């Protein structure tokens, strides 16, 4: 950070991030699709073992009519079109945004192995 009028005066703020919600936000799934949320440590190891079965760690959905989520495992399912925030309540207070969409037609791109939504 620095002062706009005096850019030669600055300060450095060190922020330590111990874990992030995976998959990264925003997440797009189809209606009826399922996804597993987990916490990854910044050192690259999964913290899922630490969150699973820990009664102080609770996954939740801001819109359960759009996205249901198992509060202990982080397994979620899109139940209606819309948007929901996935929240992890513990010392992390982490979140991810999920968009649930209906897909009428999609195709697999053989080269990239990506599913392409070709809805009009």
PDB file of N, CA and C in Angstrom:
ATOM      1  N   UNK A   1       0.843  -1.157   0.000  1.00  0.00           N
ATOM      2  CA  UNK A   1       0.000   0.000   0.000  1.00  0.00           C
ATOM      3  C   UNK A   1       0.896   1.230   0.000  1.00  0.00           C
ATOM      4  N   UNK A   2       0.394   2.286  -0.648  1.00  0.00           N
ATOM      5  CA  UNK A   2       1.145   3.531  -0.655  1.00  0.00           C
ATOM      6  C   UNK A   2       0.178   4.708  -0.693  1.00  0.00           C
ATOM      7  N   UNK A   3       0.676   5.852  -0.331  1.00  0.00           N
ATOM      8  CA  UNK A   3      -0.115   7.072  -0.390  1.00  0.00           C
ATOM      9  C   UNK A   3      -0.113   7.575  -1.825  1.00  0.00           C
ATOM     10  N   UNK A   4      -1.290   7.886  -2.329  1.00  0.00           N
ATOM     11  CA  UNK A   4      -1.401   8.310  -3.719  1.00  0.00           C
ATOM     12  C   UNK A   4      -0.580   9.562  -3.993  1.00  0.00           C
ATOM     13  N   UNK A   5      -0.609  10.481  -3.058  1.00  0.00           N
ATOM     14  CA  UNK A   5       0.133  11.725  -3.250  1.00  0.00           C
ATOM     15  C   UNK A   5       1.638  11.550  -3.035  1.00  0.00           C
ATOM     16  N   UNK A   6       2.023  10.507  -2.297  1.00  0.00           N
ATOM     17  CA  UNK A   6       3.435  10.254  -1.982  1.00  0.00           C
ATOM     18  C   UNK A   6       3.752   8.769  -2.204  1.00  0.00           C
ATOM     19  N   UNK A   7       3.898   8.345  -3.450  1.00  0.00           N
ATOM     20  CA  UNK A   7       4.119   6.920  -3.716  1.00  0.00           C
ATOM     21  C   UNK A   7       5.429   6.384  -3.145  1.00  0.00           C
ATOM     22  N   UNK A   8       6.331   7.285  -2.748  1.00  0.00           N
ATOM     23  CA  UNK A   8       7.582   6.816  -2.150  1.00  0.00           C
ATOM     24  C   UNK A   8       7.387   6.414  -0.687  1.00  0.00           C
ATOM     25  N   UNK A   9       6.239   6.741  -0.111  1.00  0.00           N
ATOM     26  CA  UNK A   9       5.914   6.301   1.247  1.00  0.00           C
ATOM     27  C   UNK A   9       4.961   5.116   1.112  1.00  0.00           C
ATOM     28  N   UNK A  10       5.378   3.956   1.554  1.00  0.00           N
ATOM     29  CA  UNK A  10       4.556   2.764   1.394  1.00  0.00           C
ATOM     30  C   UNK A  10       4.715   1.852   2.597  1.00  0.00           C
ATOM     31  N   UNK A  11       3.841   0.911   2.669  1.00  0.00           N
ATOM     32  CA  UNK A  11       3.885  -0.079   3.731  1.00  0.00           C
ATOM     33  C   UNK A  11       3.600  -1.436   3.106  1.00  0.00           C
ATOM     34  N   UNK A  12       4.109  -2.472   3.709  1.00  0.00           N
ATOM     35  CA  UNK A  12       3.906  -3.833   3.231  1.00  0.00           C
ATOM     36  C   UNK A  12       3.067  -4.571   4.257  1.00  0.00           C
ATOM     37  N   UNK A  13       2.034  -5.226   3.762  1.00  0.00           N
ATOM     38  CA  UNK A  13       1.174  -6.010   4.642  1.00  0.00           C
ATOM     39  C   UNK A  13       1.338  -7.467   4.250  1.00  0.00           C
ATOM     40  N   UNK A  14       1.635  -8.274   5.212  1.00  0.00           N
ATOM     41  CA  UNK A  14       1.812  -9.704   4.962  1.00  0.00           C
ATOM     42  C   UNK A  14       0.525 -10.416   5.350  1.00  0.00           C
ATOM     43  N   UNK A  15      -0.034 -11.167   4.406  1.00  0.00           N
ATOM     44  CA  UNK A  15      -1.264 -11.907   4.650  1.00  0.00           C
ATOM     45  C   UNK A  15      -0.949 -13.389   4.533  1.00  0.00           C
ATOM     46  N   UNK A  16      -1.299 -14.134   5.556  1.00  0.00           N
ATOM     47  CA  UNK A  16      -1.070 -15.573   5.529  1.00  0.00           C
ATOM     48  C   UNK A  16      -2.404 -16.266   5.259  1.00  0.00           C
ATOM     49  N   UNK A  17      -2.447 -17.038   4.194  1.00  0.00           N
ATOM     50  CA  UNK A  17      -3.636 -17.802   3.848  1.00  0.00           C
ATOM     51  C   UNK A  17      -3.314 -19.263   4.109  1.00  0.00           C
ATOM     52  N   UNK A  18      -4.100 -19.878   4.990  1.00  0.00           N
ATOM     53  CA  UNK A  18      -3.786 -21.256   5.354  1.00  0.00           C
ATOM     54  C   UNK A  18      -4.520 -22.281   4.491  1.00  0.00           C
ATOM     55  N   UNK A  19      -5.638 -21.880   3.896  1.00  0.00           N
ATOM     56  CA  UNK A  19      -6.373 -22.820   3.077  1.00  0.00           C
ATOM     57  C   UNK A  19      -7.358 -22.107   2.174  1.00  0.00           C
ATOM     58  N   UNK A  20      -7.694 -22.758   1.064  1.00  0.00           N
ATOM     59  CA  UNK A  20      -8.654 -22.210   0.109  1.00  0.00           C
ATOM     60  C   UNK A  20      -9.665 -23.287  -0.255  1.00  0.00           C
ATOM     61  N   UNK A  21     -10.880 -22.842  -0.587  1.00  0.00           N
ATOM     62  CA  UNK A  21     -11.928 -23.770  -1.000  1.00  0.00           C
ATOM     63  C   UNK A  21     -11.672 -24.179  -2.444  1.00  0.00           C
ATOM     64  N   UNK A  22     -11.743 -25.477  -2.699  1.00  0.00           N
ATOM     65  CA  UNK A  22     -11.621 -26.043  -4.037  1.00  0.00           C
ATOM     66  C   UNK A  22     -12.928 -26.704  -4.403  1.00  0.00           C
ATOM     67  N   UNK A  23     -13.419 -26.653  -5.593  1.00  0.00           N
ATOM     68  CA  UNK A  23     -12.849 -25.935  -6.717  1.00  0.00           C
ATOM     69  C   UNK A  23     -13.016 -24.427  -6.543  1.00  0.00           C
ATOM     70  N   UNK A  24     -12.142 -23.675  -7.242  1.00  0.00           N
ATOM     71  CA  UNK A  24     -12.158 -22.224  -7.157  1.00  0.00           C
ATOM     72  C   UNK A  24     -13.480 -21.655  -7.654  1.00  0.00           C
ATOM     73  N   UNK A  25     -13.847 -20.544  -7.103  1.00  0.00           N
ATOM     74  CA  UNK A  25     -15.054 -19.822  -7.495  1.00  0.00           C
ATOM     75  C   UNK A  25     -14.780 -18.983  -8.743  1.00  0.00           C
ATOM     76  N   UNK A  26     -15.722 -18.832  -9.649  1.00  0.00           N
ATOM     77  CA  UNK A  26     -17.066 -19.403  -9.638  1.00  0.00           C
ATOM     78  C   UNK A  26     -17.079 -20.825 -10.189  1.00  0.00           C
ATOM     79  N   UNK A  27     -18.065 -21.594  -9.748  1.00  0.00           N
ATOM     80  CA  UNK A  27     -18.232 -22.978 -10.164  1.00  0.00           C
ATOM     81  C   UNK A  27     -19.521 -23.059 -10.979  1.00  0.00           C
ATOM     82  N   UNK A  28     -19.484 -23.758 -12.100  1.00  0.00           N
ATOM     83  CA  UNK A  28     -20.666 -23.943 -12.944  1.00  0.00           C
ATOM     84  C   UNK A  28     -20.981 -25.430 -13.011  1.00  0.00           C
ATOM     85  N   UNK A  29     -22.207 -25.792 -12.620  1.00  0.00           N
ATOM     86  CA  UNK A  29     -22.634 -27.187 -12.723  1.00  0.00           C
ATOM     87  C   UNK A  29     -24.000 -27.217 -13.403  1.00  0.00           C
ATOM     88  N   UNK A  30     -24.349 -28.377 -13.933  1.00  0.00           N
ATOM     89  CA  UNK A  30     -25.652 -28.521 -14.575  1.00  0.00           C
ATOM     90  C   UNK A  30     -26.684 -28.980 -13.556  1.00  0.00           C
ATOM     91  N   UNK A  31     -27.922 -28.788 -13.884  1.00  0.00           N
ATOM     92  CA  UNK A  31     -29.024 -29.203 -13.042  1.00  0.00           C
ATOM     93  C   UNK A  31     -28.915 -30.701 -12.785  1.00  0.00           C
ATOM     94  N   UNK A  32     -28.870 -31.110 -11.530  1.00  0.00           N
ATOM     95  CA  UNK A  32     -28.692 -32.519 -11.174  1.00  0.00           C
ATOM     96  C   UNK A  32     -27.237 -32.914 -11.018  1.00  0.00           C
ATOM     97  N   UNK A  33     -26.329 -32.003 -11.366  1.00  0.00           N
ATOM     98  CA  UNK A  33     -24.905 -32.289 -11.252  1.00  0.00           C
ATOM     99  C   UNK A  33     -24.434 -32.277  -9.804  1.00  0.00           C
ATOM    100  N   UNK A  34     -23.380 -33.015  -9.535  1.00  0.00           N
ATOM    101  CA  UNK A  34     -22.810 -33.085  -8.189  1.00  0.00           C
ATOM    102  C   UNK A  34     -21.363 -32.636  -8.220  1.00  0.00           C
ATOM    103  N   UNK A  35     -20.913 -32.108  -7.098  1.00  0.00           N
ATOM    104  CA  UNK A  35     -19.533 -31.645  -6.971  1.00  0.00           C
ATOM    105  C   UNK A  35     -19.098 -31.780  -5.520  1.00  0.00           C
ATOM    106  N   UNK A  36     -17.829 -32.057  -5.313  1.00  0.00           N
ATOM    107  CA  UNK A  36     -17.285 -32.168  -3.958  1.00  0.00           C
ATOM    108  C   UNK A  36     -16.439 -30.949  -3.637  1.00  0.00           C
ATOM    109  N   UNK A  37     -16.811 -30.241  -2.589  1.00  0.00           N
ATOM    110  CA  UNK A  37     -16.008 -29.122  -2.121  1.00  0.00           C
ATOM    111  C   UNK A  37     -15.046 -29.616  -1.067  1.00  0.00           C
ATOM    112  N   UNK A  38     -13.873 -29.009  -1.033  1.00  0.00           N
ATOM    113  CA  UNK A  38     -12.843 -29.382  -0.067  1.00  0.00           C
ATOM    114  C   UNK A  38     -11.988 -28.155   0.218  1.00  0.00           C
ATOM    115  N   UNK A  39     -11.215 -28.247   1.257  1.00  0.00           N
ATOM    116  CA  UNK A  39     -10.271 -27.182   1.591  1.00  0.00           C
ATOM    117  C   UNK A  39      -8.877 -27.695   1.297  1.00  0.00           C
ATOM    118  N   UNK A  40      -8.107 -26.909   0.551  1.00  0.00           N
ATOM    119  CA  UNK A  40      -6.720 -27.260   0.256  1.00  0.00           C
ATOM    120  C   UNK A  40      -5.814 -26.307   1.007  1.00  0.00           C
ATOM    121  N   UNK A  41      -4.823 -26.861   1.649  1.00  0.00           N
ATOM    122  CA  UNK A  41      -3.826 -26.035   2.315  1.00  0.00           C
ATOM    123  C   UNK A  41      -2.996 -25.318   1.273  1.00  0.00           C
ATOM    124  N   UNK A  42      -2.445 -24.189   1.627  1.00  0.00           N
ATOM    125  CA  UNK A  42      -1.641 -23.444   0.663  1.00  0.00           C
ATOM    126  C   UNK A  42      -0.333 -24.157   0.340  1.00  0.00           C
ATOM    127  N   UNK A  43       0.021 -25.156   1.117  1.00  0.00           N
ATOM    128  CA  UNK A  43       1.235 -25.919   0.797  1.00  0.00           C
ATOM    129  C   UNK A  43       0.945 -27.041  -0.201  1.00  0.00           C
ATOM    130  N   UNK A  44      -0.338 -27.118  -0.697  1.00  0.00           N
ATOM    131  CA  UNK A  44      -0.682 -28.082  -1.728  1.00  0.00           C
ATOM    132  C   UNK A  44      -1.282 -29.373  -1.213  1.00  0.00           C
ATOM    133  N   UNK A  45      -1.335 -29.580   0.096  1.00  0.00           N
ATOM    134  CA  UNK A  45      -1.939 -30.787   0.627  1.00  0.00           C
ATOM    135  C   UNK A  45      -3.414 -30.545   0.893  1.00  0.00           C
ATOM    136  N   UNK A  46      -4.202 -31.590   0.796  1.00  0.00           N
ATOM    137  CA  UNK A  46      -5.642 -31.469   1.021  1.00  0.00           C
ATOM    138  C   UNK A  46      -5.935 -31.465   2.504  1.00  0.00           C
ATOM    139  N   UNK A  47      -6.820 -30.604   2.902  1.00  0.00           N
ATOM    140  CA  UNK A  47      -7.243 -30.545   4.298  1.00  0.00           C
ATOM    141  C   UNK A  47      -8.563 -31.262   4.497  1.00  0.00           C
ATOM    142  N   UNK A  48      -9.027 -32.008   3.499  1.00  0.00           N
ATOM    143  CA  UNK A  48     -10.320 -32.673   3.586  1.00  0.00           C
ATOM    144  C   UNK A  48     -10.377 -33.639   4.756  1.00  0.00           C
ATOM    145  N   UNK A  49      -9.260 -34.301   5.040  1.00  0.00           N
ATOM    146  CA  UNK A  49      -9.243 -35.218   6.169  1.00  0.00           C
ATOM    147  C   UNK A  49      -9.472 -34.480   7.480  1.00  0.00           C
ATOM    148  N   UNK A  50      -8.989 -33.254   7.566  1.00  0.00           N
ATOM    149  CA  UNK A  50      -9.175 -32.469   8.774  1.00  0.00           C
ATOM    150  C   UNK A  50     -10.604 -31.959   8.889  1.00  0.00           C
ATOM    151  N   UNK A  51     -11.271 -31.663   7.765  1.00  0.00           N
ATOM    152  CA  UNK A  51     -12.631 -31.131   7.810  1.00  0.00           C
ATOM    153  C   UNK A  51     -13.662 -32.227   7.943  1.00  0.00           C
ATOM    154  N   UNK A  52     -13.418 -33.404   7.361  1.00  0.00           N
ATOM    155  CA  UNK A  52     -14.387 -34.496   7.430  1.00  0.00           C
ATOM    156  C   UNK A  52     -14.518 -34.983   8.863  1.00  0.00           C
ATOM    157  N   UNK A  53     -15.749 -35.045   9.342  1.00  0.00           N
ATOM    158  CA  UNK A  53     -16.000 -35.547  10.689  1.00  0.00           C
ATOM    159  C   UNK A  53     -15.723 -34.543  11.793  1.00  0.00           C
ATOM    160  N   UNK A  54     -15.273 -33.364  11.461  1.00  0.00           N
ATOM    161  CA  UNK A  54     -15.010 -32.321  12.454  1.00  0.00           C
ATOM    162  C   UNK A  54     -16.298 -31.544  12.676  1.00  0.00           C
ATOM    163  N   UNK A  55     -16.899 -31.653  13.859  1.00  0.00           N
ATOM    164  CA  UNK A  55     -18.191 -31.023  14.117  1.00  0.00           C
ATOM    165  C   UNK A  55     -18.112 -29.504  14.122  1.00  0.00           C
ATOM    166  N   UNK A  56     -16.913 -28.937  14.194  1.00  0.00           N
ATOM    167  CA  UNK A  56     -16.770 -27.486  14.160  1.00  0.00           C
ATOM    168  C   UNK A  56     -16.699 -26.960  12.725  1.00  0.00           C
ATOM    169  N   UNK A  57     -16.583 -27.850  11.757  1.00  0.00           N
ATOM    170  CA  UNK A  57     -16.514 -27.470  10.351  1.00  0.00           C
ATOM    171  C   UNK A  57     -17.829 -27.854   9.695  1.00  0.00           C
ATOM    172  N   UNK A  58     -18.563 -26.847   9.213  1.00  0.00           N
ATOM    173  CA  UNK A  58     -19.864 -27.097   8.616  1.00  0.00           C
ATOM    174  C   UNK A  58     -19.956 -26.418   7.252  1.00  0.00           C
ATOM    175  N   UNK A  59     -20.256 -27.206   6.219  1.00  0.00           N
ATOM    176  CA  UNK A  59     -20.522 -26.662   4.895  1.00  0.00           C
ATOM    177  C   UNK A  59     -21.985 -26.274   4.844  1.00  0.00           C
ATOM    178  N   UNK A  60     -22.309 -25.184   4.135  1.00  0.00           N
ATOM    179  CA  UNK A  60     -23.709 -24.793   3.978  1.00  0.00           C
ATOM    180  C   UNK A  60     -23.897 -24.068   2.651  1.00  0.00           C
ATOM    181  N   UNK A  61     -25.162 -24.002   2.223  1.00  0.00           N
ATOM    182  CA  UNK A  61     -25.539 -23.324   0.987  1.00  0.00           C
ATOM    183  C   UNK A  61     -26.401 -22.120   1.351  1.00  0.00           C
ATOM    184  N   UNK A  62     -26.136 -20.992   0.693  1.00  0.00           N
ATOM    185  CA  UNK A  62     -26.941 -19.800   0.934  1.00  0.00           C
ATOM    186  C   UNK A  62     -28.327 -19.928   0.302  1.00  0.00           C
ATOM    187  N   UNK A  63     -28.483 -20.886  -0.623  1.00  0.00           N
ATOM    188  CA  UNK A  63     -29.750 -21.076  -1.314  1.00  0.00           C
ATOM    189  C   UNK A  63     -29.997 -22.575  -1.485  1.00  0.00           C
ATOM    190  N   UNK A  64     -30.474 -23.259  -0.427  1.00  0.00           N
ATOM    191  CA  UNK A  64     -30.647 -24.715  -0.483  1.00  0.00           C
ATOM    192  C   UNK A  64     -31.637 -25.192  -1.539  1.00  0.00           C
ATOM    193  N   UNK A  65     -32.526 -24.318  -2.029  1.00  0.00           N
ATOM    194  CA  UNK A  65     -33.443 -24.755  -3.087  1.00  0.00           C
ATOM    195  C   UNK A  65     -32.717 -24.868  -4.429  1.00  0.00           C
ATOM    196  N   UNK A  66     -31.563 -24.203  -4.574  1.00  0.00           N
ATOM    197  CA  UNK A  66     -30.748 -24.273  -5.790  1.00  0.00           C
ATOM    198  C   UNK A  66     -29.631 -25.299  -5.643  1.00  0.00           C
ATOM    199  N   UNK A  67     -28.987 -25.307  -4.484  1.00  0.00           N
ATOM    200  CA  UNK A  67     -27.834 -26.187  -4.252  1.00  0.00           C
ATOM    201  C   UNK A  67     -27.932 -26.781  -2.855  1.00  0.00           C
ATOM    202  N   UNK A  68     -28.046 -28.096  -2.787  1.00  0.00           N
ATOM    203  CA  UNK A  68     -28.012 -28.753  -1.478  1.00  0.00           C
ATOM    204  C   UNK A  68     -26.581 -29.200  -1.228  1.00  0.00           C
ATOM    205  N   UNK A  69     -26.185 -29.203   0.035  1.00  0.00           N
ATOM    206  CA  UNK A  69     -24.813 -29.609   0.362  1.00  0.00           C
ATOM    207  C   UNK A  69     -24.808 -30.381   1.675  1.00  0.00           C
ATOM    208  N   UNK A  70     -24.053 -31.460   1.706  1.00  0.00           N
ATOM    209  CA  UNK A  70     -23.889 -32.230   2.932  1.00  0.00           C
ATOM    210  C   UNK A  70     -22.992 -31.420   3.860  1.00  0.00           C
ATOM    211  N   UNK A  71     -23.495 -31.087   5.022  1.00  0.00           N
ATOM    212  CA  UNK A  71     -22.779 -30.183   5.922  1.00  0.00           C
ATOM    213  C   UNK A  71     -21.455 -30.739   6.420  1.00  0.00           C
ATOM    214  N   UNK A  72     -21.306 -32.055   6.434  1.00  0.00           N
ATOM    215  CA  UNK A  72     -20.058 -32.648   6.933  1.00  0.00           C
ATOM    216  C   UNK A  72     -19.051 -32.949   5.821  1.00  0.00           C
ATOM    217  N   UNK A  73     -19.532 -33.452   4.668  1.00  0.00           N
ATOM    218  CA  UNK A  73     -18.601 -33.899   3.622  1.00  0.00           C
ATOM    219  C   UNK A  73     -18.294 -32.842   2.571  1.00  0.00           C
ATOM    220  N   UNK A  74     -19.209 -31.879   2.359  1.00  0.00           N
ATOM    221  CA  UNK A  74     -19.014 -30.884   1.310  1.00  0.00           C
ATOM    222  C   UNK A  74     -19.497 -31.334  -0.052  1.00  0.00           C
ATOM    223  N   UNK A  75     -20.194 -32.468  -0.118  1.00  0.00           N
ATOM    224  CA  UNK A  75     -20.736 -32.955  -1.393  1.00  0.00           C
ATOM    225  C   UNK A  75     -22.016 -32.183  -1.693  1.00  0.00           C
ATOM    226  N   UNK A  76     -22.079 -31.561  -2.884  1.00  0.00           N
ATOM    227  CA  UNK A  76     -23.201 -30.697  -3.246  1.00  0.00           C
ATOM    228  C   UNK A  76     -23.874 -31.175  -4.523  1.00  0.00           C
ATOM    229  N   UNK A  77     -25.182 -30.823  -4.660  1.00  0.00           N
ATOM    230  CA  UNK A  77     -25.938 -31.176  -5.855  1.00  0.00           C
ATOM    231  C   UNK A  77     -26.812 -29.997  -6.279  1.00  0.00           C
ATOM    232  N   UNK A  78     -26.787 -29.711  -7.587  1.00  0.00           N
ATOM    233  CA  UNK A  78     -27.632 -28.660  -8.148  1.00  0.00           C
ATOM    234  C   UNK A  78     -29.044 -29.158  -8.303  1.00  0.00           C
ATOM    235  N   UNK A  79     -30.011 -28.529  -7.621  1.00  0.00           N
ATOM    236  CA  UNK A  79     -31.392 -29.011  -7.638  1.00  0.00           C
ATOM    237  C   UNK A  79     -32.347 -28.089  -8.395  1.00  0.00           C
ATOM    238  N   UNK A  80     -31.917 -26.874  -8.685  1.00  0.00           N
ATOM    239  CA  UNK A  80     -32.737 -25.911  -9.420  1.00  0.00           C
ATOM    240  C   UNK A  80     -31.819 -24.873 -10.039  1.00  0.00           C
ATOM    241  N   UNK A  81     -32.235 -24.285 -11.157  1.00  0.00           N
ATOM    242  CA  UNK A  81     -31.411 -23.248 -11.779  1.00  0.00           C
ATOM    243  C   UNK A  81     -31.294 -22.047 -10.851  1.00  0.00           C
ATOM    244  N   UNK A  82     -30.104 -21.454 -10.822  1.00  0.00           N
ATOM    245  CA  UNK A  82     -29.891 -20.273  -9.990  1.00  0.00           C
ATOM    246  C   UNK A  82     -28.462 -20.179  -9.503  1.00  0.00           C
ATOM    247  N   UNK A  83     -28.275 -19.384  -8.458  1.00  0.00           N
ATOM    248  CA  UNK A  83     -26.946 -19.134  -7.894  1.00  0.00           C
ATOM    249  C   UNK A  83     -26.990 -19.347  -6.395  1.00  0.00           C
ATOM    250  N   UNK A  84     -25.927 -19.901  -5.840  1.00  0.00           N
ATOM    251  CA  UNK A  84     -25.820 -20.105  -4.397  1.00  0.00           C
ATOM    252  C   UNK A  84     -24.373 -19.914  -3.972  1.00  0.00           C
ATOM    253  N   UNK A  85     -24.198 -19.453  -2.760  1.00  0.00           N
ATOM    254  CA  UNK A  85     -22.871 -19.358  -2.159  1.00  0.00           C
ATOM    255  C   UNK A  85     -22.662 -20.582  -1.285  1.00  0.00           C
ATOM    256  N   UNK A  86     -21.512 -21.210  -1.421  1.00  0.00           N
ATOM    257  CA  UNK A  86     -21.139 -22.325  -0.546  1.00  0.00           C
ATOM    258  C   UNK A  86     -20.247 -21.740   0.535  1.00  0.00           C
ATOM    259  N   UNK A  87     -20.622 -21.981   1.779  1.00  0.00           N
ATOM    260  CA  UNK A  87     -19.896 -21.410   2.908  1.00  0.00           C
ATOM    261  C   UNK A  87     -19.296 -22.515   3.760  1.00  0.00           C
ATOM    262  N   UNK A  88     -18.114 -22.276   4.256  1.00  0.00           N
ATOM    263  CA  UNK A  88     -17.449 -23.189   5.179  1.00  0.00           C
ATOM    264  C   UNK A  88     -17.295 -22.447   6.489  1.00  0.00           C
ATOM    265  N   UNK A  89     -18.029 -22.865   7.497  1.00  0.00           N
ATOM    266  CA  UNK A  89     -18.005 -22.143   8.770  1.00  0.00           C
ATOM    267  C   UNK A  89     -17.040 -22.807   9.743  1.00  0.00           C
ATOM    268  N   UNK A  90     -15.962 -22.187   9.923  1.00  0.00           N
ATOM    269  CA  UNK A  90     -14.974 -22.519  10.950  1.00  0.00           C
ATOM    270  C   UNK A  90     -14.020 -21.341  10.986  1.00  0.00           C
ATOM    271  N   UNK A  91     -12.815 -21.541  11.384  1.00  0.00           N
ATOM    272  CA  UNK A  91     -11.883 -20.415  11.431  1.00  0.00           C
ATOM    273  C   UNK A  91     -11.509 -19.895  10.049  1.00  0.00           C
ATOM    274  N   UNK A  92     -11.789 -20.681   8.987  1.00  0.00           N
ATOM    275  CA  UNK A  92     -11.474 -20.239   7.630  1.00  0.00           C
ATOM    276  C   UNK A  92     -12.477 -19.205   7.115  1.00  0.00           C
ATOM    277  N   UNK A  93     -13.765 -19.389   7.437  1.00  0.00           N
ATOM    278  CA  UNK A  93     -14.838 -18.558   6.880  1.00  0.00           C
ATOM    279  C   UNK A  93     -14.675 -18.398   5.370  1.00  0.00           C
ATOM    280  N   UNK A  94     -14.517 -19.502   4.677  1.00  0.00           N
ATOM    281  CA  UNK A  94     -14.275 -19.509   3.242  1.00  0.00           C
ATOM    282  C   UNK A  94     -15.592 -19.664   2.483  1.00  0.00           C
ATOM    283  N   UNK A  95     -15.570 -19.274   1.211  1.00  0.00           N
ATOM    284  CA  UNK A  95     -16.785 -19.354   0.407  1.00  0.00           C
ATOM    285  C   UNK A  95     -16.454 -19.592  -1.063  1.00  0.00           C
ATOM    286  N   UNK A  96     -17.464 -20.058  -1.811  1.00  0.00           N
ATOM    287  CA  UNK A  96     -17.365 -20.245  -3.250  1.00  0.00           C
ATOM    288  C   UNK A  96     -18.741 -19.969  -3.843  1.00  0.00           C
ATOM    289  N   UNK A  97     -18.790 -19.420  -5.047  1.00  0.00           N
ATOM    290  CA  UNK A  97     -20.052 -19.132  -5.718  1.00  0.00           C
ATOM    291  C   UNK A  97     -20.325 -20.238  -6.731  1.00  0.00           C
ATOM    292  N   UNK A  98     -21.569 -20.752  -6.722  1.00  0.00           N
ATOM    293  CA  UNK A  98     -21.955 -21.833  -7.628  1.00  0.00           C
ATOM    294  C   UNK A  98     -23.134 -21.380  -8.484  1.00  0.00           C
ATOM    295  N   UNK A  99     -23.021 -21.586  -9.798  1.00  0.00           N
ATOM    296  CA  UNK A  99     -24.110 -21.316 -10.734  1.00  0.00           C
ATOM    297  C   UNK A  99     -24.627 -22.663 -11.233  1.00  0.00           C
ATOM    298  N   UNK A 100     -25.939 -22.875 -11.104  1.00  0.00           N
ATOM    299  CA  UNK A 100     -26.565 -24.111 -11.577  1.00  0.00           C
ATOM    300  C   UNK A 100     -27.400 -23.761 -12.800  1.00  0.00           C
ATOM    301  N   UNK A 101     -27.150 -24.473 -13.902  1.00  0.00           N
ATOM    302  CA  UNK A 101     -27.856 -24.206 -15.161  1.00  0.00           C
ATOM    303  C   UNK A 101     -28.396 -25.496 -15.750  1.00  0.00           C
ATOM    304  N   UNK A 102     -29.492 -25.362 -16.461  1.00  0.00           N
ATOM    305  CA  UNK A 102     -30.060 -26.480 -17.196  1.00  0.00           C
ATOM    306  C   UNK A 102     -29.330 -26.554 -18.537  1.00  0.00           C
ATOM    307  N   UNK A 103     -28.936 -27.748 -18.913  1.00  0.00           N
ATOM    308  CA  UNK A 103     -28.240 -27.946 -20.186  1.00  0.00           C
ATOM    309  C   UNK A 103     -29.111 -28.834 -21.060  1.00  0.00           C
ATOM    310  N   UNK A 104     -29.548 -28.292 -22.192  1.00  0.00           N
ATOM    311  CA  UNK A 104     -30.380 -29.061 -23.114  1.00  0.00           C
ATOM    312  C   UNK A 104     -29.527 -29.921 -24.038  1.00  0.00           C
ATOM    313  N   UNK A 105     -28.343 -29.400 -24.420  1.00  0.00           N
ATOM    314  CA  UNK A 105     -27.492 -30.127 -25.352  1.00  0.00           C
ATOM    315  C   UNK A 105     -26.043 -29.708 -25.108  1.00  0.00           C
ATOM    316  N   UNK A 106     -25.156 -30.667 -25.116  1.00  0.00           N
ATOM    317  CA  UNK A 106     -23.728 -30.392 -24.968  1.00  0.00           C
ATOM    318  C   UNK A 106     -22.961 -31.399 -25.800  1.00  0.00           C
ATOM    319  N   UNK A 107     -21.731 -31.072 -26.134  1.00  0.00           N
ATOM    320  CA  UNK A 107     -20.891 -32.010 -26.875  1.00  0.00           C
ATOM    321  C   UNK A 107     -19.494 -32.017 -26.287  1.00  0.00           C
ATOM    322  N   UNK A 108     -18.810 -33.126 -26.486  1.00  0.00           N
ATOM    323  CA  UNK A 108     -17.453 -33.284 -25.993  1.00  0.00           C
ATOM    324  C   UNK A 108     -16.481 -32.937 -27.099  1.00  0.00           C
ATOM    325  N   UNK A 109     -15.615 -31.971 -26.844  1.00  0.00           N
ATOM    326  CA  UNK A 109     -14.565 -31.610 -27.791  1.00  0.00           C
ATOM    327  C   UNK A 109     -13.466 -32.663 -27.662  1.00  0.00           C
ATOM    328  N   UNK A 110     -13.266 -33.461 -28.702  1.00  0.00           N
ATOM    329  CA  UNK A 110     -12.330 -34.574 -28.654  1.00  0.00           C
ATOM    330  C   UNK A 110     -10.896 -34.140 -28.396  1.00  0.00           C
ATOM    331  N   UNK A 111     -10.524 -32.981 -28.913  1.00  0.00           N
ATOM    332  CA  UNK A 111      -9.148 -32.512 -28.757  1.00  0.00           C
ATOM    333  C   UNK A 111      -8.844 -32.075 -27.327  1.00  0.00           C
ATOM    334  N   UNK A 112      -9.702 -31.228 -26.783  1.00  0.00           N
ATOM    335  CA  UNK A 112      -9.423 -30.651 -25.463  1.00  0.00           C
ATOM    336  C   UNK A 112     -10.069 -31.431 -24.333  1.00  0.00           C
ATOM    337  N   UNK A 113     -10.981 -32.361 -24.661  1.00  0.00           N
ATOM    338  CA  UNK A 113     -11.729 -33.123 -23.680  1.00  0.00           C
ATOM    339  C   UNK A 113     -12.609 -32.228 -22.794  1.00  0.00           C
ATOM    340  N   UNK A 114     -13.017 -31.069 -23.345  1.00  0.00           N
ATOM    341  CA  UNK A 114     -13.909 -30.168 -22.632  1.00  0.00           C
ATOM    342  C   UNK A 114     -15.331 -30.400 -23.105  1.00  0.00           C
ATOM    343  N   UNK A 115     -16.282 -30.283 -22.193  1.00  0.00           N
ATOM    344  CA  UNK A 115     -17.685 -30.357 -22.561  1.00  0.00           C
ATOM    345  C   UNK A 115     -18.124 -28.952 -22.934  1.00  0.00           C
ATOM    346  N   UNK A 116     -18.685 -28.817 -24.121  1.00  0.00           N
ATOM    347  CA  UNK A 116     -19.095 -27.517 -24.625  1.00  0.00           C
ATOM    348  C   UNK A 116     -20.615 -27.435 -24.594  1.00  0.00           C
ATOM    349  N   UNK A 117     -21.141 -26.448 -23.855  1.00  0.00           N
ATOM    350  CA  UNK A 117     -22.575 -26.216 -23.802  1.00  0.00           C
ATOM    351  C   UNK A 117     -22.953 -25.466 -25.064  1.00  0.00           C
ATOM    352  N   UNK A 118     -23.780 -26.076 -25.890  1.00  0.00           N
ATOM    353  CA  UNK A 118     -24.141 -25.446 -27.166  1.00  0.00           C
ATOM    354  C   UNK A 118     -25.572 -24.946 -27.157  1.00  0.00           C
ATOM    355  N   UNK A 119     -26.137 -24.717 -25.973  1.00  0.00           N
ATOM    356  CA  UNK A 119     -27.489 -24.159 -25.879  1.00  0.00           C
ATOM    357  C   UNK A 119     -27.485 -22.781 -26.519  1.00  0.00           C
ATOM    358  N   UNK A 120     -28.588 -22.459 -27.254  1.00  0.00           N
ATOM    359  CA  UNK A 120     -28.735 -21.195 -27.964  1.00  0.00           C
ATOM    360  C   UNK A 120     -28.534 -20.042 -27.100  1.00  0.00           C
TER     361      UNK A 120
END
